[in-house]
C-alpha cells in the first residue's frame, strides 16, 4: 500500500536512530532520571553556557515575531571570527541542515555522492533521500582513504563528504593531505568538509580551513554550535563557501530555518572564549582518563580527536548490543554503532569526571 505514497528510494531508507533520551531509559528500566548518565550523543557535558542562557532570556520576549531570516547579527560575529564576508556564510538548523542543503542543491536524482565507510550516517541517508547513488569508499584504519576516494569519483559525482575529525571513529586528516586532495578533486564536485568537532582539536593540530574556502570555489565547510558550544538542543550551525555556492544554498534553504533564540544564543556562545576553553580542557582530561582505563582493561580503542571514543567491547558481533543493554540497566547510556557496521564496538561521549568514572565502573562490572 505504501508503494503509492513514495518512490522506492524513500521506502528503502532506514530512519536515523538517535541516542536514547534519558526519559526513555528511565521509563524502560524503572530508573530515576536524575541518576542516569548519558554519554551517547556527543553533547557538551557542561551544557549551555550562562552567556547563552542570558542571551535567550533577553530575546524570549520577541519570539512572537519571526526571526531574522538573514541572521545578520550571527553572520556578523561568524564573519569577524573567521575573517570572511557575510555573503560567504549560510546558516543552518544545525550543521545537519547544511549537509542536507548541499545534497538537495548540488545533486540530481541518479547522480552520485562519495563518502567514507565509518563516516556520519547522514551522508548515506541524504543520498538515498534525493534518489542519488551513494558511493561508500572502504576506510583506512577507521578513517578516510583520500586516494581511494579520489578514485571513486565518477563522471556523475557531484558531491563528496569529508568529516574532520570523523564521527564515529574520531580519526583526523592532516591539513596538508586535505589540501593536496582538494587540488585533485574535479571542479564540478562540491566537497563538504564537516568540522563539527573542530573545536576539540589540540592547539598543535588546529588549522584554518577558511583559507581553503577562499582558494577552492567548490569547497563548503560546515560547523556547528551543538558540540563544544553546548547548544545541541537549539539546532544551529553554519556553512562557509564562495558566494556562488551560498547563493545556491539560499535558494533551497527555508527562510526561517534558524530560530531567534538559537541565533541569540549562538552569538553569545561564539564570543564566550572562557567557556570554549573550559569545554576543551574537560574533554582532554576526560579523554585521558577513558583511554587510560581502556588500556588497563585491555580494550582496543580508536585514538580520537573529537569528544568521544570508539571502544571495542567484545570479539563477537553481538558484543556491542549486549554490553549496551547491560549498561542501560545500570543507567548508563552510550551509543551502539551497529548501523555503521561496527557491531563489536561502542561510541562513548566524554562526560564530566564523575560521569566518566561511573561509566568505567559500570563497564568493568558488565565485562566481568
Protein backbone atom coordinates (compact mmCIF):
# COMPACT_ATOMS: atom_id res chain seq x y z
CA UNK A 1 0.00 0.00 0.00
CA UNK A 2 2.87 2.38 0.84
CA UNK A 3 4.16 2.00 -2.73
CA UNK A 4 1.71 4.62 -3.91
CA UNK A 5 2.89 7.30 -1.49
CA UNK A 6 6.67 7.45 -2.01
CA UNK A 7 9.30 6.41 -4.55
CA UNK A 8 11.30 3.25 -3.92
CA UNK A 9 14.44 5.15 -2.87
CA UNK A 10 12.50 6.77 0.00
CA UNK A 11 10.97 3.47 1.12
CA UNK A 12 14.47 1.95 1.18
CA UNK A 13 15.71 4.38 3.86
CA UNK A 14 16.29 3.08 7.37
CA UNK A 15 15.47 6.07 9.62
CA UNK A 16 18.34 7.61 11.56
CA UNK A 17 18.40 6.29 15.13
CA UNK A 18 19.41 9.00 17.59
CA UNK A 19 20.88 8.28 21.02
CA UNK A 20 18.30 7.19 23.59
CA UNK A 21 16.94 10.10 25.66
CA UNK A 22 17.22 9.93 29.45
CA UNK A 23 13.43 9.92 29.91
CA UNK A 24 13.02 6.84 27.70
CA UNK A 25 15.65 4.85 29.60
CA UNK A 26 14.06 5.86 32.91
CA UNK A 27 10.66 4.55 31.75
CA UNK A 28 12.05 1.38 30.19
CA UNK A 29 14.13 0.28 33.17
CA UNK A 30 12.28 1.95 36.06
CA UNK A 31 15.21 4.21 36.91
CA UNK A 32 15.45 7.67 38.49
CA UNK A 33 16.10 10.20 35.71
CA UNK A 34 18.43 12.17 37.97
CA UNK A 35 20.74 9.17 38.35
CA UNK A 36 21.01 8.34 34.65
CA UNK A 37 24.20 9.31 32.81
CA UNK A 38 24.03 9.99 29.09
CA UNK A 39 27.25 9.55 27.14
CA UNK A 40 25.62 8.76 23.80
CA UNK A 41 25.18 11.84 21.62
CA UNK A 42 28.48 13.75 21.82
CA UNK A 43 26.84 16.62 23.69
CA UNK A 44 28.85 19.05 25.81
CA UNK A 45 28.62 17.74 29.41
CA UNK A 46 28.81 21.33 30.69
CA UNK A 47 25.51 22.08 28.97
CA UNK A 48 24.66 25.54 27.69
CA UNK A 49 26.96 28.41 28.71
CA UNK A 50 25.50 31.02 31.06
CA UNK A 51 26.19 33.69 28.46
CA UNK A 52 23.85 31.93 26.04
CA UNK A 53 21.16 31.50 28.71
CA UNK A 54 21.22 35.25 29.37
CA UNK A 55 21.00 35.99 25.64
CA UNK A 56 17.95 33.75 25.37
CA UNK A 57 16.30 35.45 28.35
CA UNK A 58 16.81 38.82 26.67
CA UNK A 59 15.38 37.56 23.37
CA UNK A 60 12.43 35.49 24.58
CA UNK A 61 10.07 38.48 24.66
CA UNK A 62 10.44 38.85 20.89
CA UNK A 63 9.53 35.26 19.98
CA UNK A 64 6.06 36.29 18.82
CA UNK A 65 7.81 37.63 15.73
CA UNK A 66 9.70 35.73 13.04
CA UNK A 67 13.47 35.53 13.44
CA UNK A 68 15.82 37.45 11.17
CA UNK A 69 15.72 35.30 8.04
CA UNK A 70 19.18 36.56 7.04
CA UNK A 71 20.70 36.10 10.51
CA UNK A 72 22.58 39.40 10.29
CA UNK A 73 23.86 39.53 13.90
CA UNK A 74 25.03 35.91 13.89
CA UNK A 75 26.62 36.17 10.46
CA UNK A 76 28.41 39.32 11.63
CA UNK A 77 30.17 37.56 14.53
CA UNK A 78 30.90 34.47 12.42
CA UNK A 79 32.38 36.69 9.71
CA UNK A 80 34.53 38.53 12.24
CA UNK A 81 35.71 35.28 13.83
CA UNK A 82 36.69 33.61 10.57
CA UNK A 83 37.68 36.67 8.54
CA UNK A 84 35.08 36.11 5.87
CA UNK A 85 32.31 38.25 4.31
CA UNK A 86 28.68 37.63 5.32
CA UNK A 87 27.65 36.56 1.83
CA UNK A 88 30.05 33.61 2.20
CA UNK A 89 28.00 32.27 5.16
CA UNK A 90 24.91 30.03 5.16
CA UNK A 91 23.08 29.45 8.44
CA UNK A 92 21.64 26.03 9.18
CA UNK A 93 19.31 24.30 11.63
CA UNK A 94 22.40 22.53 12.95
CA UNK A 95 25.21 21.50 10.60
CA UNK A 96 22.99 18.55 9.65
CA UNK A 97 20.86 21.11 7.80
CA UNK A 98 23.92 22.33 5.86
CA UNK A 99 24.70 18.73 4.86
CA UNK A 100 21.15 18.17 3.60
CA UNK A 101 21.05 21.53 1.83
CA UNK A 102 24.23 20.65 -0.03
CA UNK A 103 22.77 17.38 -1.28
CA UNK A 104 19.45 18.91 -2.31
CA UNK A 105 21.13 21.86 -4.01
CA UNK A 106 24.00 20.29 -5.93
CA UNK A 107 22.91 16.73 -6.73
CA UNK A 108 20.20 15.49 -9.07
CA UNK A 109 18.42 12.17 -8.81
CA UNK A 110 20.63 9.45 -10.26
CA UNK A 111 23.91 11.34 -9.76
CA UNK A 112 26.42 10.18 -7.14
CA UNK A 113 27.73 11.28 -3.74
CA UNK A 114 31.04 9.95 -2.37
CA UNK A 115 31.67 9.36 1.35
CA UNK A 116 33.79 7.09 3.52
CA UNK A 117 32.95 3.89 5.32
CA UNK A 118 32.51 4.58 9.06
CA UNK A 119 31.56 8.22 8.47
CA UNK A 120 28.42 10.06 9.65
CA UNK A 121 25.33 8.03 8.68
CA UNK A 122 23.52 11.14 7.46
CA UNK A 123 25.75 11.28 4.35
CA UNK A 124 24.29 7.99 3.12
CA UNK A 125 20.78 8.96 4.25
CA UNK A 126 20.70 12.23 2.30
CA UNK A 127 21.93 10.43 -0.81
CA UNK A 128 19.03 8.00 -0.55
CA UNK A 129 16.53 10.75 0.28
CA UNK A 130 17.16 12.55 -3.02
CA UNK A 131 17.47 9.40 -5.13
CA UNK A 132 21.21 9.80 -5.59
CA UNK A 133 23.77 6.99 -5.73
CA UNK A 134 25.83 6.73 -2.56
CA UNK A 135 29.41 5.60 -3.21
CA UNK A 136 30.86 4.35 0.08
CA UNK A 137 34.65 4.07 -0.01
CA UNK A 138 36.34 1.49 2.26
CA UNK A 139 38.03 3.12 5.22
CA UNK A 140 41.73 3.18 6.02
CA UNK A 141 42.45 2.47 9.69
CA UNK A 142 38.87 3.52 10.55
CA UNK A 143 39.31 6.84 8.76
CA UNK A 144 39.18 8.31 5.27
CA UNK A 145 41.30 6.87 2.48
CA UNK A 146 41.74 10.01 0.39
CA UNK A 147 43.43 8.28 -2.54
CA UNK A 148 40.61 5.74 -2.75
CA UNK A 149 38.02 8.49 -2.51
CA UNK A 150 39.60 10.30 -5.45
CA UNK A 151 39.49 7.11 -7.49
CA UNK A 152 35.82 6.59 -6.52
CA UNK A 153 34.75 9.85 -8.18
CA UNK A 154 32.81 9.11 -11.38
CA UNK A 155 31.52 11.26 -14.24
CA UNK A 156 28.21 11.76 -12.42
CA UNK A 157 29.67 12.57 -8.98
CA UNK A 158 28.56 15.99 -7.79
CA UNK A 159 29.20 15.91 -4.02
CA UNK A 160 31.83 14.44 -1.68
CA UNK A 161 31.77 14.42 2.13
CA UNK A 162 34.84 14.54 4.40
CA UNK A 163 34.47 14.65 8.19
CA UNK A 164 37.44 16.01 10.12
CA UNK A 165 37.58 14.80 12.86
CA UNK A 166 35.44 11.87 11.76
CA UNK A 167 32.34 10.66 13.60
CA UNK A 168 32.01 7.96 14.98
CA UNK A 169 35.70 6.96 14.85
CA UNK A 170 37.44 10.21 15.85
CA UNK A 171 40.14 9.91 13.18
CA UNK A 172 41.89 13.03 11.88
CA UNK A 173 43.09 14.04 8.41
CA UNK A 174 46.27 16.10 8.26
CA UNK A 175 45.71 19.56 6.71
CA UNK A 176 48.44 19.04 4.09
CA UNK A 177 46.75 15.83 2.95
CA UNK A 178 43.37 17.56 2.67
CA UNK A 179 44.81 20.42 0.62
CA UNK A 180 46.59 18.00 -1.72
CA UNK A 181 43.28 16.16 -2.09
CA UNK A 182 41.36 19.37 -2.86
CA UNK A 183 43.89 20.18 -5.58
CA UNK A 184 42.95 16.94 -7.37
CA UNK A 185 39.14 16.91 -6.99
CA UNK A 186 37.36 17.88 -10.25
CA UNK A 187 35.91 21.39 -10.04
CA UNK A 188 32.39 20.10 -10.80
CA UNK A 189 32.39 18.15 -7.50
CA UNK A 190 31.43 20.11 -4.38
CA UNK A 191 33.48 18.97 -1.38
CA UNK A 192 31.87 19.34 2.05
CA UNK A 193 34.31 19.26 4.97
CA UNK A 194 32.23 18.55 8.06
CA UNK A 195 34.07 20.13 11.01
CA UNK A 196 31.52 19.51 13.77
CA UNK A 197 34.28 18.60 16.23
CA UNK A 198 36.97 21.06 15.13
CA UNK A 199 36.95 23.00 18.41
CA UNK A 200 38.15 19.89 20.26
CA UNK A 201 41.36 19.63 18.23
CA UNK A 202 44.56 20.13 20.18
CA UNK A 203 46.11 23.52 19.50
CA UNK A 204 49.13 21.80 17.92
CA UNK A 205 47.00 20.47 15.04
CA UNK A 206 44.45 23.27 14.61
CA UNK A 207 44.24 24.54 11.03
CA UNK A 208 42.42 27.32 9.18
CA UNK A 209 40.03 25.85 6.62
CA UNK A 210 38.67 29.30 5.73
CA UNK A 211 41.83 29.83 3.68
CA UNK A 212 40.84 26.77 1.65
CA UNK A 213 37.32 28.15 1.25
CA UNK A 214 38.79 31.26 -0.33
CA UNK A 215 41.06 29.19 -2.59
CA UNK A 216 38.62 26.50 -3.78
CA UNK A 217 35.27 27.64 -5.30
CA UNK A 218 33.91 24.08 -4.96
CA UNK A 219 34.52 23.80 -1.19
CA UNK A 220 31.89 24.07 1.56
CA UNK A 221 32.97 23.88 5.21
CA UNK A 222 30.28 23.14 7.79
CA UNK A 223 30.43 23.91 11.51
CA UNK A 224 28.03 23.51 14.43
CA UNK A 225 27.19 25.03 17.80
CA UNK A 226 25.86 21.67 19.05
CA UNK A 227 29.13 20.26 20.40
CA UNK A 228 31.80 22.42 22.02
CA UNK A 229 29.46 25.44 22.29
CA UNK A 230 26.80 23.47 24.20
CA UNK A 231 23.75 24.40 22.11
CA UNK A 232 22.66 20.95 20.83
CA UNK A 233 19.00 21.47 21.75
CA UNK A 234 18.76 24.77 19.84
CA UNK A 235 19.96 23.38 16.48
CA UNK A 236 22.21 25.98 14.92
CA UNK A 237 25.15 25.57 12.55
CA UNK A 238 26.65 27.28 9.52
CA UNK A 239 28.47 26.71 6.27
CA UNK A 240 31.31 28.70 4.70
CA UNK A 241 31.75 28.80 0.92
CA UNK A 242 32.17 31.07 -2.10
CA UNK A 243 29.11 33.31 -2.67
CA UNK A 244 28.30 31.30 -5.81
CA UNK A 245 27.65 28.27 -3.60
CA UNK A 246 25.96 30.12 -0.73
CA UNK A 247 23.68 31.87 -3.22
CA UNK A 248 22.51 28.50 -4.49
CA UNK A 249 22.12 27.06 -0.98
CA UNK A 250 19.96 30.04 0.00
CA UNK A 251 17.56 29.28 -2.85
CA UNK A 252 16.80 25.95 -1.21
CA UNK A 253 17.17 26.92 2.47
CA UNK A 254 13.98 27.56 4.42
CA UNK A 255 13.78 31.33 5.13
CA UNK A 256 13.44 30.99 8.92
CA UNK A 257 15.47 27.82 9.43
CA UNK A 258 17.35 29.13 12.49
CA UNK A 259 15.05 30.39 15.24
CA UNK A 260 15.53 33.65 17.12
CA UNK A 261 16.62 32.07 20.42
CA UNK A 262 19.19 29.90 18.65
CA UNK A 263 20.63 32.92 16.83
CA UNK A 264 20.92 34.95 20.04
CA UNK A 265 22.47 32.05 21.97
CA UNK A 266 24.97 31.34 19.18
CA UNK A 267 26.15 34.96 19.11
CA UNK A 268 26.78 34.81 22.86
CA UNK A 269 28.43 31.37 22.74
CA UNK A 270 30.77 32.31 19.91
CA UNK A 271 32.03 35.23 21.99
CA UNK A 272 32.36 33.15 25.19
CA UNK A 273 36.01 32.23 24.89
CA UNK A 274 36.35 31.06 28.50
CA UNK A 275 33.52 28.54 28.11
CA UNK A 276 35.15 27.12 24.99
CA UNK A 277 38.49 26.79 26.77
CA UNK A 278 36.83 25.04 29.71
CA UNK A 279 34.98 22.68 27.37
CA UNK A 280 38.21 21.72 25.63
CA UNK A 281 40.01 21.20 28.96
CA UNK A 282 37.24 19.00 30.41
CA UNK A 283 37.26 17.00 27.19
CA UNK A 284 41.04 16.50 27.12
CA UNK A 285 41.09 15.38 30.76
CA UNK A 286 38.18 13.00 30.18
CA UNK A 287 39.82 11.54 27.09
CA UNK A 288 42.99 10.76 29.02
CA UNK A 289 41.01 9.10 31.81
CA UNK A 290 38.87 6.96 29.48
CA UNK A 291 41.71 5.82 27.25
CA UNK A 292 43.98 5.01 30.19
CA UNK A 293 41.13 2.99 31.68
CA UNK A 294 40.60 1.14 28.40
CA UNK A 295 44.32 0.30 28.25
CA UNK A 296 44.27 -1.00 31.83
CA UNK A 297 41.25 -3.15 30.92
CA UNK A 298 42.95 -4.46 27.79
CA UNK A 299 40.31 -2.95 25.49
CA UNK A 300 41.08 -1.81 21.95
CA UNK A 301 40.04 1.75 21.06
CA UNK A 302 40.50 4.13 18.15
CA UNK A 303 42.56 7.23 19.09
CA UNK A 304 40.12 10.14 18.84
CA UNK A 305 40.30 13.86 18.14
CA UNK A 306 36.64 14.53 19.00
CA UNK A 307 34.66 14.48 22.25
CA UNK A 308 34.06 10.73 22.12
CA UNK A 309 35.97 7.45 21.93
CA UNK A 310 35.16 4.30 19.92
CA UNK A 311 35.96 1.22 22.03
CA UNK A 312 35.77 -2.48 21.21
CA UNK A 313 33.85 -4.33 23.95
CA UNK A 314 33.96 -7.90 22.64
CA UNK A 315 35.02 -10.22 19.85
CA UNK A 316 31.61 -11.39 18.62
CA UNK A 317 29.09 -9.44 16.56
CA UNK A 318 26.63 -9.33 19.43
CA UNK A 319 29.07 -7.70 21.84
CA UNK A 320 28.12 -4.06 21.29
CA UNK A 321 24.37 -4.63 21.66
CA UNK A 322 24.81 -6.94 24.65
CA UNK A 323 27.11 -4.61 26.60
CA UNK A 324 24.97 -1.61 25.71
CA UNK A 325 21.86 -3.31 27.10
CA UNK A 326 23.60 -4.15 30.37
CA UNK A 327 24.89 -0.59 30.71
CA UNK A 328 21.35 0.75 30.17
CA UNK A 329 20.15 -1.36 33.08
CA UNK A 330 22.73 0.44 35.20
CA UNK A 331 21.58 3.85 33.99
CA UNK A 332 24.48 4.48 31.60
CA UNK A 333 23.53 5.48 28.04
CA UNK A 334 26.22 5.05 25.38
CA UNK A 335 25.99 4.65 21.61
CA UNK A 336 25.91 1.30 19.82
CA UNK A 337 27.35 1.58 16.31
CA UNK A 338 25.85 -1.50 14.62
CA UNK A 339 24.37 0.75 11.93
CA UNK A 340 27.91 1.77 10.98
CA UNK A 341 28.99 -1.84 10.53
CA UNK A 342 30.80 -1.88 13.89
CA UNK A 343 28.79 -4.38 15.99
CA UNK A 344 31.67 -5.16 18.37
CA UNK A 345 32.16 -1.52 19.34
CA UNK A 346 30.50 1.26 21.36
CA UNK A 347 30.98 5.00 20.99
CA UNK A 348 31.39 6.75 24.33
CA UNK A 349 30.86 10.51 24.60
CA UNK A 350 33.26 12.15 27.04
CA UNK A 351 31.40 13.42 30.12
CA UNK A 352 32.20 15.15 33.37
CA UNK A 353 34.82 13.41 35.57
CA UNK A 354 32.22 11.75 37.80
CA UNK A 355 30.23 10.60 34.75
CA UNK A 356 33.31 9.06 33.13
CA UNK A 357 34.18 7.30 36.39
CA UNK A 358 30.64 5.92 36.75
CA UNK A 359 30.76 4.59 33.19
CA UNK A 360 34.12 2.85 33.67
CA UNK A 361 32.91 1.30 36.93
CA UNK A 362 29.75 0.02 35.24
CA UNK A 363 31.69 -1.24 32.20
CA UNK A 364 34.06 -3.23 34.44
CA UNK A 365 31.06 -4.86 36.13
CA UNK A 366 29.40 -5.70 32.83
CA UNK A 367 32.54 -7.15 31.23
CA UNK A 368 33.34 -9.15 34.38
